[in-house]
Amino acid sequence: MHLGFEPRQRRKPSLTPMIDVVFLLLVFFMLASRFGMNSAIEIPLAGAGGEYTGPPRLIDVLQDSIRLNGIDIGIDLLANAVADLTKEKTDVIILRGKDGASLQRIVDISVALKKAGFQNLVLVE
């Protein structure tokens, strides 16, 4: 008994939509990623600095002020005050963030010291 239905041949699935999705994902991740390097500031952590000699040179970075060896000082006077405490520009200077100081503030102060010629900054916790 034949009802008139012919069995259909099975179709093979098309891979074109899947390939389109893969290329779209590839383009998305290529556009969303970063190919360049951000500028990096080298600040060694404690233990990686040089030998510490001479008078103390501890800079406490607070949210709204800077203290050099416990004495409040402005950022414009900081380089000269640190120069008075060092014999050479390669002497170790210790930076310490306190009381919720932002990382950007610490970076700004370290950049100001680097511009003044100080080369050996150490960041402590």
N, C-alpha and C. Protein backbone atom coordinates (compact mmCIF):
# COMPACT_ATOMS: atom_id res chain seq x y z
N MET A 1 0.82 -1.16 0.00
CA MET A 1 0.00 0.00 0.00
C MET A 1 0.88 1.23 0.00
N HIS A 2 0.65 2.04 -0.94
CA HIS A 2 1.46 3.25 -1.12
C HIS A 2 0.56 4.47 -0.95
N LEU A 3 0.88 5.36 -0.03
CA LEU A 3 0.03 6.51 0.26
C LEU A 3 0.38 7.72 -0.60
N GLY A 4 1.33 7.66 -1.38
CA GLY A 4 1.67 8.77 -2.25
C GLY A 4 2.76 9.68 -1.71
N PHE A 5 3.25 9.38 -0.53
CA PHE A 5 4.34 10.18 0.02
C PHE A 5 5.66 9.57 -0.37
N GLU A 6 6.49 10.39 -0.95
CA GLU A 6 7.82 9.91 -1.25
C GLU A 6 8.74 10.36 -0.13
N PRO A 7 9.59 9.52 0.31
CA PRO A 7 10.51 9.94 1.37
C PRO A 7 11.44 11.06 0.87
N ARG A 8 11.55 12.08 1.71
CA ARG A 8 12.42 13.20 1.33
C ARG A 8 13.87 12.85 1.57
N GLN A 9 14.68 13.40 0.72
CA GLN A 9 16.10 13.21 0.95
C GLN A 9 16.55 14.19 2.04
N ARG A 10 17.40 13.73 2.91
CA ARG A 10 17.90 14.58 3.99
C ARG A 10 18.86 15.62 3.42
N ARG A 11 18.66 16.87 3.85
CA ARG A 11 19.55 17.94 3.40
C ARG A 11 20.72 18.06 4.36
N LYS A 12 21.86 18.31 3.83
CA LYS A 12 23.03 18.55 4.67
C LYS A 12 22.95 19.99 5.15
N PRO A 13 23.25 20.22 6.45
CA PRO A 13 23.18 21.60 6.95
C PRO A 13 24.26 22.48 6.28
N SER A 14 23.91 23.72 6.04
CA SER A 14 24.84 24.66 5.42
C SER A 14 25.77 25.24 6.49
N LEU A 15 27.03 25.31 6.19
CA LEU A 15 28.01 25.86 7.13
C LEU A 15 28.19 27.37 6.96
N THR A 16 27.57 27.95 5.97
CA THR A 16 27.75 29.38 5.70
C THR A 16 27.33 30.26 6.88
N PRO A 17 26.18 30.05 7.52
CA PRO A 17 25.84 30.91 8.66
C PRO A 17 26.83 30.79 9.83
N MET A 18 27.33 29.59 10.06
CA MET A 18 28.29 29.42 11.15
C MET A 18 29.60 30.14 10.82
N ILE A 19 30.04 30.09 9.58
CA ILE A 19 31.26 30.79 9.18
C ILE A 19 31.06 32.30 9.31
N ASP A 20 29.87 32.78 8.95
CA ASP A 20 29.58 34.21 9.11
C ASP A 20 29.66 34.64 10.57
N VAL A 21 29.13 33.83 11.46
CA VAL A 21 29.17 34.15 12.89
C VAL A 21 30.61 34.16 13.38
N VAL A 22 31.42 33.21 12.95
CA VAL A 22 32.82 33.17 13.37
C VAL A 22 33.56 34.42 12.90
N PHE A 23 33.33 34.84 11.68
CA PHE A 23 34.00 36.05 11.18
C PHE A 23 33.51 37.29 11.92
N LEU A 24 32.23 37.36 12.23
CA LEU A 24 31.72 38.50 13.01
C LEU A 24 32.35 38.55 14.39
N LEU A 25 32.49 37.39 15.04
CA LEU A 25 33.16 37.36 16.35
C LEU A 25 34.62 37.77 16.23
N LEU A 26 35.28 37.30 15.19
CA LEU A 26 36.68 37.68 14.97
C LEU A 26 36.82 39.18 14.80
N VAL A 27 35.97 39.79 13.98
CA VAL A 27 36.02 41.24 13.78
C VAL A 27 35.71 41.97 15.08
N PHE A 28 34.74 41.49 15.85
CA PHE A 28 34.39 42.14 17.11
C PHE A 28 35.57 42.14 18.07
N PHE A 29 36.19 40.99 18.25
CA PHE A 29 37.29 40.92 19.22
C PHE A 29 38.53 41.66 18.72
N MET A 30 38.73 41.74 17.43
CA MET A 30 39.86 42.52 16.92
C MET A 30 39.63 44.01 17.17
N LEU A 31 38.40 44.47 17.02
CA LEU A 31 38.12 45.88 17.24
C LEU A 31 38.05 46.23 18.72
N ALA A 32 37.67 45.27 19.54
CA ALA A 32 37.52 45.53 20.97
C ALA A 32 38.84 45.41 21.73
N SER A 33 39.83 44.78 21.14
CA SER A 33 41.09 44.59 21.86
C SER A 33 42.01 45.78 21.65
N ARG A 34 43.02 45.84 22.49
CA ARG A 34 44.02 46.89 22.39
C ARG A 34 45.29 46.30 21.81
N PHE A 35 45.82 46.96 20.82
CA PHE A 35 47.02 46.46 20.19
C PHE A 35 48.28 47.18 20.68
N GLY A 36 48.12 48.37 21.23
CA GLY A 36 49.27 49.14 21.68
C GLY A 36 49.50 48.96 23.16
N MET A 37 50.67 49.35 23.59
CA MET A 37 51.00 49.31 25.01
C MET A 37 50.77 50.69 25.60
N ASN A 38 50.22 50.72 26.78
CA ASN A 38 50.13 51.98 27.50
C ASN A 38 51.52 52.35 28.00
N SER A 39 51.72 53.61 28.25
CA SER A 39 53.01 54.00 28.78
C SER A 39 53.16 53.45 30.19
N ALA A 40 54.32 52.96 30.49
CA ALA A 40 54.55 52.34 31.79
C ALA A 40 55.54 53.18 32.58
N ILE A 41 55.30 53.24 33.86
CA ILE A 41 56.20 53.93 34.78
C ILE A 41 56.87 52.88 35.64
N GLU A 42 58.16 52.84 35.60
CA GLU A 42 58.88 51.85 36.40
C GLU A 42 59.06 52.37 37.81
N ILE A 43 58.38 51.73 38.74
CA ILE A 43 58.56 52.02 40.16
C ILE A 43 58.76 50.68 40.84
N PRO A 44 59.95 50.37 41.28
CA PRO A 44 60.15 49.08 41.93
C PRO A 44 59.45 49.04 43.28
N LEU A 45 59.01 47.87 43.66
CA LEU A 45 58.43 47.69 44.98
C LEU A 45 59.54 47.53 45.99
N ALA A 46 59.20 47.61 47.25
CA ALA A 46 60.20 47.51 48.31
C ALA A 46 60.99 46.22 48.16
N GLY A 47 62.26 46.30 48.40
CA GLY A 47 63.12 45.14 48.26
C GLY A 47 63.88 45.15 46.95
N ALA A 48 63.37 45.87 45.97
CA ALA A 48 64.04 45.93 44.67
C ALA A 48 64.88 47.19 44.53
N GLY A 49 64.82 48.08 45.51
CA GLY A 49 65.56 49.33 45.44
C GLY A 49 67.02 49.13 45.79
N GLY A 50 67.76 50.20 45.76
CA GLY A 50 69.18 50.13 46.08
C GLY A 50 69.42 50.21 47.57
N GLU A 51 70.67 50.36 47.91
CA GLU A 51 71.05 50.46 49.32
C GLU A 51 70.63 51.82 49.85
N TYR A 52 70.07 51.82 51.04
CA TYR A 52 69.57 53.06 51.62
C TYR A 52 70.64 53.67 52.51
N THR A 53 71.09 54.88 52.16
CA THR A 53 72.07 55.60 52.97
C THR A 53 71.63 57.04 53.09
N GLY A 54 72.14 57.71 54.08
CA GLY A 54 71.84 59.13 54.25
C GLY A 54 70.61 59.36 55.09
N PRO A 55 70.15 60.62 55.11
CA PRO A 55 68.99 60.95 55.93
C PRO A 55 67.72 60.31 55.37
N PRO A 56 66.69 60.18 56.20
CA PRO A 56 65.45 59.57 55.71
C PRO A 56 64.82 60.40 54.60
N ARG A 57 64.27 59.70 53.63
CA ARG A 57 63.59 60.35 52.50
C ARG A 57 62.28 59.61 52.25
N LEU A 58 61.35 59.75 53.17
CA LEU A 58 60.05 59.09 53.08
C LEU A 58 59.00 60.11 52.69
N ILE A 59 58.36 59.87 51.56
CA ILE A 59 57.31 60.76 51.08
C ILE A 59 55.97 60.05 51.27
N ASP A 60 55.15 60.60 52.18
CA ASP A 60 53.80 60.08 52.39
C ASP A 60 52.86 60.84 51.47
N VAL A 61 52.15 60.11 50.63
CA VAL A 61 51.20 60.71 49.70
C VAL A 61 49.81 60.51 50.28
N LEU A 62 49.16 61.60 50.63
CA LEU A 62 47.80 61.56 51.16
C LEU A 62 46.84 62.06 50.10
N GLN A 63 45.54 62.01 50.39
CA GLN A 63 44.55 62.45 49.41
C GLN A 63 44.73 63.90 49.00
N ASP A 64 45.00 64.74 49.97
CA ASP A 64 45.04 66.18 49.68
C ASP A 64 46.35 66.85 50.06
N SER A 65 47.34 66.09 50.49
CA SER A 65 48.62 66.70 50.85
C SER A 65 49.75 65.70 50.66
N ILE A 66 50.97 66.22 50.84
CA ILE A 66 52.18 65.41 50.73
C ILE A 66 53.01 65.69 51.97
N ARG A 67 53.58 64.66 52.53
CA ARG A 67 54.47 64.84 53.68
C ARG A 67 55.83 64.25 53.37
N LEU A 68 56.85 65.04 53.59
CA LEU A 68 58.23 64.58 53.45
C LEU A 68 58.78 64.41 54.85
N ASN A 69 59.07 63.16 55.22
CA ASN A 69 59.53 62.84 56.58
C ASN A 69 58.59 63.39 57.65
N GLY A 70 57.28 63.33 57.39
CA GLY A 70 56.28 63.74 58.37
C GLY A 70 55.92 65.21 58.35
N ILE A 71 56.54 66.01 57.49
CA ILE A 71 56.28 67.45 57.42
C ILE A 71 55.54 67.75 56.12
N ASP A 72 54.40 68.46 56.24
CA ASP A 72 53.61 68.81 55.05
C ASP A 72 54.43 69.70 54.12
N ILE A 73 54.31 69.40 52.82
CA ILE A 73 55.05 70.17 51.82
C ILE A 73 54.22 70.18 50.53
N GLY A 74 54.35 71.22 49.76
CA GLY A 74 53.65 71.31 48.48
C GLY A 74 54.41 70.56 47.39
N ILE A 75 53.69 70.18 46.36
CA ILE A 75 54.33 69.42 45.28
C ILE A 75 55.36 70.27 44.53
N ASP A 76 55.16 71.58 44.51
CA ASP A 76 56.12 72.46 43.83
C ASP A 76 57.44 72.58 44.59
N LEU A 77 57.41 72.39 45.90
CA LEU A 77 58.63 72.47 46.71
C LEU A 77 59.26 71.10 46.97
N LEU A 78 58.57 70.05 46.58
CA LEU A 78 59.02 68.69 46.92
C LEU A 78 60.38 68.35 46.31
N ALA A 79 60.58 68.63 45.04
CA ALA A 79 61.84 68.27 44.38
C ALA A 79 63.03 68.96 45.03
N ASN A 80 62.89 70.22 45.38
CA ASN A 80 64.01 70.94 46.03
C ASN A 80 64.27 70.41 47.43
N ALA A 81 63.20 70.07 48.16
CA ALA A 81 63.38 69.55 49.51
C ALA A 81 64.03 68.17 49.48
N VAL A 82 63.66 67.35 48.51
CA VAL A 82 64.29 66.03 48.38
C VAL A 82 65.74 66.18 47.94
N ALA A 83 66.02 67.15 47.08
CA ALA A 83 67.40 67.37 46.64
C ALA A 83 68.30 67.74 47.80
N ASP A 84 67.75 68.46 48.79
CA ASP A 84 68.54 68.81 49.98
C ASP A 84 68.88 67.58 50.82
N LEU A 85 68.07 66.52 50.70
CA LEU A 85 68.28 65.31 51.51
C LEU A 85 69.11 64.25 50.79
N THR A 86 69.43 64.47 49.53
CA THR A 86 70.18 63.47 48.76
C THR A 86 71.54 64.00 48.37
N LYS A 87 72.49 63.09 48.22
CA LYS A 87 73.81 63.45 47.73
C LYS A 87 73.85 63.35 46.21
N GLU A 88 73.18 62.32 45.68
CA GLU A 88 73.15 62.10 44.24
C GLU A 88 71.71 61.85 43.82
N LYS A 89 71.44 62.00 42.53
CA LYS A 89 70.09 61.78 42.00
C LYS A 89 69.70 60.31 42.01
N THR A 90 70.68 59.42 42.25
CA THR A 90 70.39 57.98 42.28
C THR A 90 70.09 57.47 43.68
N ASP A 91 70.09 58.33 44.68
CA ASP A 91 69.76 57.90 46.05
C ASP A 91 68.31 57.42 46.11
N VAL A 92 68.05 56.50 47.02
CA VAL A 92 66.72 55.90 47.16
C VAL A 92 65.75 56.89 47.79
N ILE A 93 64.56 57.01 47.17
CA ILE A 93 63.47 57.82 47.71
C ILE A 93 62.27 56.90 47.86
N ILE A 94 61.67 56.91 49.03
CA ILE A 94 60.58 56.00 49.33
C ILE A 94 59.25 56.74 49.24
N LEU A 95 58.33 56.19 48.45
CA LEU A 95 56.97 56.72 48.33
C LEU A 95 56.02 55.78 49.05
N ARG A 96 55.09 56.36 49.81
CA ARG A 96 54.11 55.54 50.52
C ARG A 96 52.74 56.20 50.42
N GLY A 97 51.78 55.49 49.87
CA GLY A 97 50.41 55.99 49.81
C GLY A 97 49.72 55.76 51.14
N LYS A 98 49.01 56.78 51.62
CA LYS A 98 48.33 56.68 52.92
C LYS A 98 46.95 57.28 52.84
N ASP A 99 46.10 56.85 53.75
CA ASP A 99 44.77 57.43 53.96
C ASP A 99 43.96 57.55 52.68
N GLY A 100 43.96 56.51 51.88
CA GLY A 100 43.13 56.49 50.68
C GLY A 100 43.62 57.35 49.53
N ALA A 101 44.91 57.58 49.46
CA ALA A 101 45.45 58.35 48.33
C ALA A 101 45.24 57.56 47.04
N SER A 102 44.85 58.24 46.00
CA SER A 102 44.60 57.55 44.73
C SER A 102 45.92 57.19 44.06
N LEU A 103 45.86 56.17 43.25
CA LEU A 103 47.04 55.75 42.51
C LEU A 103 47.50 56.85 41.56
N GLN A 104 46.55 57.58 40.99
CA GLN A 104 46.92 58.66 40.08
C GLN A 104 47.73 59.72 40.79
N ARG A 105 47.40 60.01 42.03
CA ARG A 105 48.15 61.01 42.81
C ARG A 105 49.59 60.54 43.04
N ILE A 106 49.75 59.26 43.36
CA ILE A 106 51.10 58.70 43.56
C ILE A 106 51.89 58.76 42.25
N VAL A 107 51.23 58.45 41.15
CA VAL A 107 51.89 58.49 39.84
C VAL A 107 52.29 59.93 39.50
N ASP A 108 51.41 60.90 39.77
CA ASP A 108 51.74 62.31 39.49
C ASP A 108 52.97 62.76 40.26
N ILE A 109 53.06 62.36 41.52
CA ILE A 109 54.21 62.76 42.34
C ILE A 109 55.47 62.05 41.86
N SER A 110 55.35 60.79 41.49
CA SER A 110 56.53 60.08 41.00
C SER A 110 57.00 60.65 39.66
N VAL A 111 56.08 61.07 38.81
CA VAL A 111 56.46 61.70 37.54
C VAL A 111 57.16 63.03 37.81
N ALA A 112 56.66 63.80 38.77
CA ALA A 112 57.31 65.07 39.11
C ALA A 112 58.73 64.84 39.62
N LEU A 113 58.93 63.79 40.42
CA LEU A 113 60.26 63.49 40.92
C LEU A 113 61.17 62.99 39.79
N LYS A 114 60.63 62.20 38.88
CA LYS A 114 61.43 61.72 37.74
C LYS A 114 61.85 62.88 36.85
N LYS A 115 60.94 63.85 36.65
CA LYS A 115 61.29 65.03 35.86
C LYS A 115 62.38 65.84 36.52
N ALA A 116 62.42 65.82 37.85
CA ALA A 116 63.46 66.54 38.58
C ALA A 116 64.79 65.79 38.55
N GLY A 117 64.79 64.57 38.00
CA GLY A 117 66.04 63.84 37.84
C GLY A 117 66.25 62.71 38.82
N PHE A 118 65.33 62.49 39.74
CA PHE A 118 65.49 61.40 40.71
C PHE A 118 65.13 60.09 40.03
N GLN A 119 66.04 59.12 40.13
CA GLN A 119 65.90 57.90 39.35
C GLN A 119 65.48 56.68 40.16
N ASN A 120 65.70 56.70 41.44
CA ASN A 120 65.52 55.48 42.23
C ASN A 120 64.36 55.66 43.21
N LEU A 121 63.14 55.52 42.71
CA LEU A 121 61.95 55.63 43.54
C LEU A 121 61.49 54.23 43.93
N VAL A 122 61.12 54.07 45.19
CA VAL A 122 60.64 52.78 45.67
C VAL A 122 59.27 53.00 46.28
N LEU A 123 58.30 52.18 45.87
CA LEU A 123 56.94 52.27 46.37
C LEU A 123 56.74 51.22 47.45
N VAL A 124 56.33 51.67 48.63
CA VAL A 124 56.05 50.75 49.73
C VAL A 124 54.58 50.85 50.11
N GLU A 125 54.13 49.81 50.77
CA GLU A 125 52.74 49.78 51.18
C GLU A 125 52.55 50.35 52.56
